[in-house]
Amino acid sequence: MEAGGAYVSTVLPNAGRDGNPLWRVRLPMPPIADGYDDLPLPEMPAPAGQQGLGLWDRYMAGGRLATVQQVVAAAAPADPSHIEVLE
């Protein structure tokens, strides 16, 4: 894929069925001289008194990802042939 290229996954209703088309897009790239260090980034102030969603701690920190994967694998059907794939 070329610089600025991306795949965008969407869910769209079509005649009573949901589809999941995958769009290939090209986004405008800012001029970069030697690397991304040249790009000015906006200041991101931390909201006072807010902790955020805690997604890293919930799913990634301390081996949580392995635990989540085990739970998903245990819940997956043994025979996935009955799963309908929408295109």
N, C-alpha and C. Protein backbone atom coordinates (compact mmCIF):
# COMPACT_ATOMS: atom_id res chain seq x y z
N MET A 1 0.85 -1.16 0.00
CA MET A 1 0.00 0.00 0.00
C MET A 1 0.90 1.24 0.00
N GLU A 2 0.47 2.23 -0.72
CA GLU A 2 1.25 3.46 -0.80
C GLU A 2 1.04 4.32 0.45
N ALA A 3 1.94 5.26 0.64
CA ALA A 3 1.81 6.18 1.78
C ALA A 3 0.48 6.90 1.69
N GLY A 4 -0.20 6.98 2.81
CA GLY A 4 -1.50 7.62 2.85
C GLY A 4 -2.66 6.70 2.55
N GLY A 5 -2.36 5.46 2.19
CA GLY A 5 -3.41 4.51 1.89
C GLY A 5 -3.94 3.86 3.15
N ALA A 6 -5.21 3.48 3.12
CA ALA A 6 -5.82 2.82 4.27
C ALA A 6 -6.99 1.98 3.79
N TYR A 7 -7.37 1.01 4.59
CA TYR A 7 -8.59 0.25 4.36
C TYR A 7 -9.60 0.68 5.42
N VAL A 8 -10.82 0.95 5.00
CA VAL A 8 -11.88 1.36 5.91
C VAL A 8 -12.97 0.31 5.85
N SER A 9 -13.27 -0.27 6.99
CA SER A 9 -14.32 -1.27 7.10
C SER A 9 -15.59 -0.60 7.58
N THR A 10 -16.71 -0.89 6.90
CA THR A 10 -17.97 -0.27 7.25
C THR A 10 -19.06 -1.33 7.35
N VAL A 11 -20.15 -0.98 7.99
CA VAL A 11 -21.34 -1.83 8.02
C VAL A 11 -22.47 -1.03 7.41
N LEU A 12 -23.04 -1.54 6.32
CA LEU A 12 -24.10 -0.84 5.62
C LEU A 12 -25.29 -1.75 5.41
N PRO A 13 -26.51 -1.25 5.67
CA PRO A 13 -27.70 -2.06 5.37
C PRO A 13 -27.96 -2.07 3.87
N ASN A 14 -28.36 -3.24 3.35
CA ASN A 14 -28.63 -3.37 1.93
C ASN A 14 -29.76 -4.38 1.76
N ALA A 15 -30.93 -3.91 1.41
CA ALA A 15 -32.09 -4.77 1.16
C ALA A 15 -32.37 -5.69 2.35
N GLY A 16 -32.35 -5.14 3.55
CA GLY A 16 -32.68 -5.92 4.73
C GLY A 16 -31.55 -6.76 5.29
N ARG A 17 -30.39 -6.74 4.66
CA ARG A 17 -29.24 -7.48 5.16
C ARG A 17 -28.08 -6.50 5.35
N ASP A 18 -27.32 -6.72 6.38
CA ASP A 18 -26.15 -5.87 6.61
C ASP A 18 -24.98 -6.40 5.81
N GLY A 19 -24.25 -5.51 5.22
CA GLY A 19 -23.04 -5.87 4.49
C GLY A 19 -21.85 -5.20 5.14
N ASN A 20 -20.67 -5.71 4.86
CA ASN A 20 -19.46 -5.17 5.45
C ASN A 20 -18.45 -4.91 4.34
N PRO A 21 -18.71 -3.87 3.51
CA PRO A 21 -17.74 -3.59 2.44
C PRO A 21 -16.43 -3.04 2.99
N LEU A 22 -15.38 -3.32 2.30
CA LEU A 22 -14.05 -2.83 2.68
C LEU A 22 -13.63 -1.84 1.60
N TRP A 23 -13.39 -0.60 2.00
CA TRP A 23 -13.05 0.46 1.06
C TRP A 23 -11.57 0.75 1.14
N ARG A 24 -10.93 0.85 0.01
CA ARG A 24 -9.52 1.27 -0.04
C ARG A 24 -9.52 2.77 -0.34
N VAL A 25 -8.91 3.54 0.55
CA VAL A 25 -8.91 4.99 0.41
C VAL A 25 -7.47 5.51 0.42
N ARG A 26 -7.33 6.70 -0.06
CA ARG A 26 -6.02 7.38 -0.02
C ARG A 26 -6.23 8.72 0.65
N LEU A 27 -5.53 8.93 1.75
CA LEU A 27 -5.65 10.16 2.53
C LEU A 27 -4.50 11.10 2.17
N PRO A 28 -4.77 12.39 2.19
CA PRO A 28 -3.68 13.33 1.88
C PRO A 28 -2.60 13.27 2.96
N MET A 29 -1.37 13.24 2.54
CA MET A 29 -0.25 13.19 3.47
C MET A 29 0.37 14.57 3.60
N PRO A 30 0.69 14.99 4.82
CA PRO A 30 1.38 16.27 4.99
C PRO A 30 2.82 16.15 4.50
N PRO A 31 3.42 17.26 4.14
CA PRO A 31 4.83 17.20 3.71
C PRO A 31 5.73 16.80 4.87
N ILE A 32 6.57 15.82 4.64
CA ILE A 32 7.48 15.32 5.67
C ILE A 32 8.89 15.40 5.10
N ALA A 33 9.76 16.15 5.77
CA ALA A 33 11.13 16.30 5.28
C ALA A 33 11.98 15.09 5.63
N ASP A 34 12.19 14.84 6.91
CA ASP A 34 13.08 13.75 7.33
C ASP A 34 12.36 12.67 8.11
N GLY A 35 11.14 12.88 8.46
CA GLY A 35 10.44 11.90 9.27
C GLY A 35 9.29 12.54 10.01
N TYR A 36 8.63 11.73 10.79
CA TYR A 36 7.46 12.22 11.50
C TYR A 36 7.81 13.19 12.63
N ASP A 37 9.05 13.25 13.03
CA ASP A 37 9.45 14.21 14.05
C ASP A 37 9.25 15.65 13.58
N ASP A 38 9.18 15.85 12.26
CA ASP A 38 9.01 17.20 11.72
C ASP A 38 7.57 17.69 11.82
N LEU A 39 6.62 16.80 12.07
CA LEU A 39 5.22 17.19 12.10
C LEU A 39 4.85 17.79 13.46
N PRO A 40 4.25 18.96 13.47
CA PRO A 40 3.80 19.53 14.74
C PRO A 40 2.53 18.82 15.19
N LEU A 41 2.50 18.40 16.42
CA LEU A 41 1.32 17.74 16.98
C LEU A 41 0.62 18.68 17.94
N PRO A 42 -0.71 18.66 17.97
CA PRO A 42 -1.42 19.54 18.90
C PRO A 42 -1.22 19.10 20.33
N GLU A 43 -1.29 20.04 21.23
CA GLU A 43 -1.21 19.73 22.65
C GLU A 43 -2.47 18.98 23.07
N MET A 44 -2.30 17.93 23.84
CA MET A 44 -3.42 17.14 24.31
C MET A 44 -3.47 17.22 25.83
N PRO A 45 -4.16 18.22 26.37
CA PRO A 45 -4.21 18.35 27.83
C PRO A 45 -5.05 17.22 28.43
N ALA A 46 -4.59 16.71 29.55
CA ALA A 46 -5.34 15.67 30.25
C ALA A 46 -6.51 16.31 30.96
N PRO A 47 -7.72 15.76 30.80
CA PRO A 47 -8.87 16.34 31.49
C PRO A 47 -8.71 16.22 33.00
N ALA A 48 -8.91 17.31 33.69
CA ALA A 48 -8.77 17.33 35.15
C ALA A 48 -9.89 16.52 35.79
N GLY A 49 -9.52 15.65 36.72
CA GLY A 49 -10.50 14.89 37.47
C GLY A 49 -11.12 13.72 36.72
N GLN A 50 -10.59 13.37 35.57
CA GLN A 50 -11.14 12.26 34.81
C GLN A 50 -10.09 11.17 34.65
N GLN A 51 -10.53 9.91 34.72
CA GLN A 51 -9.59 8.80 34.62
C GLN A 51 -9.58 8.15 33.25
N GLY A 52 -10.54 8.41 32.41
CA GLY A 52 -10.60 7.77 31.11
C GLY A 52 -11.29 6.42 31.20
N LEU A 53 -11.24 5.66 30.12
CA LEU A 53 -11.94 4.39 30.04
C LEU A 53 -11.16 3.23 30.67
N GLY A 54 -9.85 3.38 30.82
CA GLY A 54 -9.05 2.32 31.41
C GLY A 54 -8.95 1.07 30.53
N LEU A 55 -9.01 1.26 29.21
CA LEU A 55 -9.00 0.10 28.31
C LEU A 55 -7.66 -0.65 28.35
N TRP A 56 -6.57 0.07 28.50
CA TRP A 56 -5.27 -0.61 28.56
C TRP A 56 -5.22 -1.54 29.77
N ASP A 57 -5.60 -1.05 30.93
CA ASP A 57 -5.59 -1.89 32.13
C ASP A 57 -6.58 -3.04 32.02
N ARG A 58 -7.71 -2.80 31.38
CA ARG A 58 -8.74 -3.83 31.29
C ARG A 58 -8.35 -4.96 30.34
N TYR A 59 -7.66 -4.63 29.23
CA TYR A 59 -7.43 -5.64 28.20
C TYR A 59 -5.97 -5.98 27.93
N MET A 60 -5.03 -5.17 28.35
CA MET A 60 -3.64 -5.38 27.94
C MET A 60 -2.66 -5.58 29.09
N ALA A 61 -2.80 -4.83 30.16
CA ALA A 61 -1.80 -4.82 31.22
C ALA A 61 -1.79 -6.14 31.99
N GLY A 62 -0.61 -6.55 32.38
CA GLY A 62 -0.45 -7.71 33.26
C GLY A 62 -0.98 -9.01 32.70
N GLY A 63 -0.85 -9.24 31.41
CA GLY A 63 -1.29 -10.50 30.84
C GLY A 63 -2.79 -10.60 30.62
N ARG A 64 -3.49 -9.47 30.71
CA ARG A 64 -4.94 -9.50 30.53
C ARG A 64 -5.33 -9.95 29.12
N LEU A 65 -4.53 -9.60 28.12
CA LEU A 65 -4.87 -9.99 26.74
C LEU A 65 -4.93 -11.51 26.61
N ALA A 66 -3.98 -12.22 27.22
CA ALA A 66 -4.00 -13.68 27.17
C ALA A 66 -5.25 -14.24 27.83
N THR A 67 -5.66 -13.64 28.94
CA THR A 67 -6.88 -14.08 29.63
C THR A 67 -8.11 -13.85 28.76
N VAL A 68 -8.19 -12.67 28.13
CA VAL A 68 -9.32 -12.36 27.25
C VAL A 68 -9.36 -13.34 26.08
N GLN A 69 -8.19 -13.66 25.50
CA GLN A 69 -8.15 -14.61 24.38
C GLN A 69 -8.61 -15.99 24.82
N GLN A 70 -8.26 -16.41 26.02
CA GLN A 70 -8.71 -17.71 26.52
C GLN A 70 -10.22 -17.74 26.70
N VAL A 71 -10.79 -16.66 27.22
CA VAL A 71 -12.24 -16.58 27.40
C VAL A 71 -12.95 -16.64 26.05
N VAL A 72 -12.44 -15.92 25.06
CA VAL A 72 -13.04 -15.93 23.73
C VAL A 72 -12.93 -17.31 23.10
N ALA A 73 -11.76 -17.95 23.21
CA ALA A 73 -11.58 -19.28 22.64
C ALA A 73 -12.51 -20.30 23.30
N ALA A 74 -12.73 -20.18 24.60
CA ALA A 74 -13.62 -21.10 25.30
C ALA A 74 -15.08 -20.88 24.89
N ALA A 75 -15.44 -19.66 24.54
CA ALA A 75 -16.82 -19.35 24.18
C ALA A 75 -17.11 -19.62 22.70
N ALA A 76 -16.08 -19.80 21.89
CA ALA A 76 -16.27 -20.02 20.45
C ALA A 76 -16.91 -21.38 20.21
N PRO A 77 -17.80 -21.47 19.23
CA PRO A 77 -18.43 -22.76 18.94
C PRO A 77 -17.41 -23.76 18.41
N ALA A 78 -17.58 -25.03 18.79
CA ALA A 78 -16.66 -26.07 18.33
C ALA A 78 -16.79 -26.29 16.83
N ASP A 79 -18.01 -26.12 16.30
CA ASP A 79 -18.26 -26.30 14.88
C ASP A 79 -18.77 -24.99 14.30
N PRO A 80 -17.88 -24.17 13.71
CA PRO A 80 -18.31 -22.87 13.22
C PRO A 80 -19.02 -22.91 11.87
N SER A 81 -19.34 -24.11 11.35
CA SER A 81 -19.94 -24.20 10.02
C SER A 81 -21.33 -23.57 9.96
N HIS A 82 -21.99 -23.44 11.09
CA HIS A 82 -23.34 -22.87 11.09
C HIS A 82 -23.32 -21.34 11.10
N ILE A 83 -22.15 -20.73 11.21
CA ILE A 83 -22.06 -19.28 11.26
C ILE A 83 -22.26 -18.73 9.85
N GLU A 84 -23.19 -17.78 9.72
CA GLU A 84 -23.47 -17.18 8.42
C GLU A 84 -22.52 -16.02 8.18
N VAL A 85 -21.87 -16.02 7.04
CA VAL A 85 -20.95 -14.94 6.66
C VAL A 85 -21.68 -14.01 5.73
N LEU A 86 -21.81 -12.75 6.12
CA LEU A 86 -22.44 -11.74 5.29
C LEU A 86 -21.41 -11.07 4.42
N GLU A 87 -21.70 -10.93 3.15
CA GLU A 87 -20.77 -10.26 2.24
C GLU A 87 -21.37 -9.01 1.69
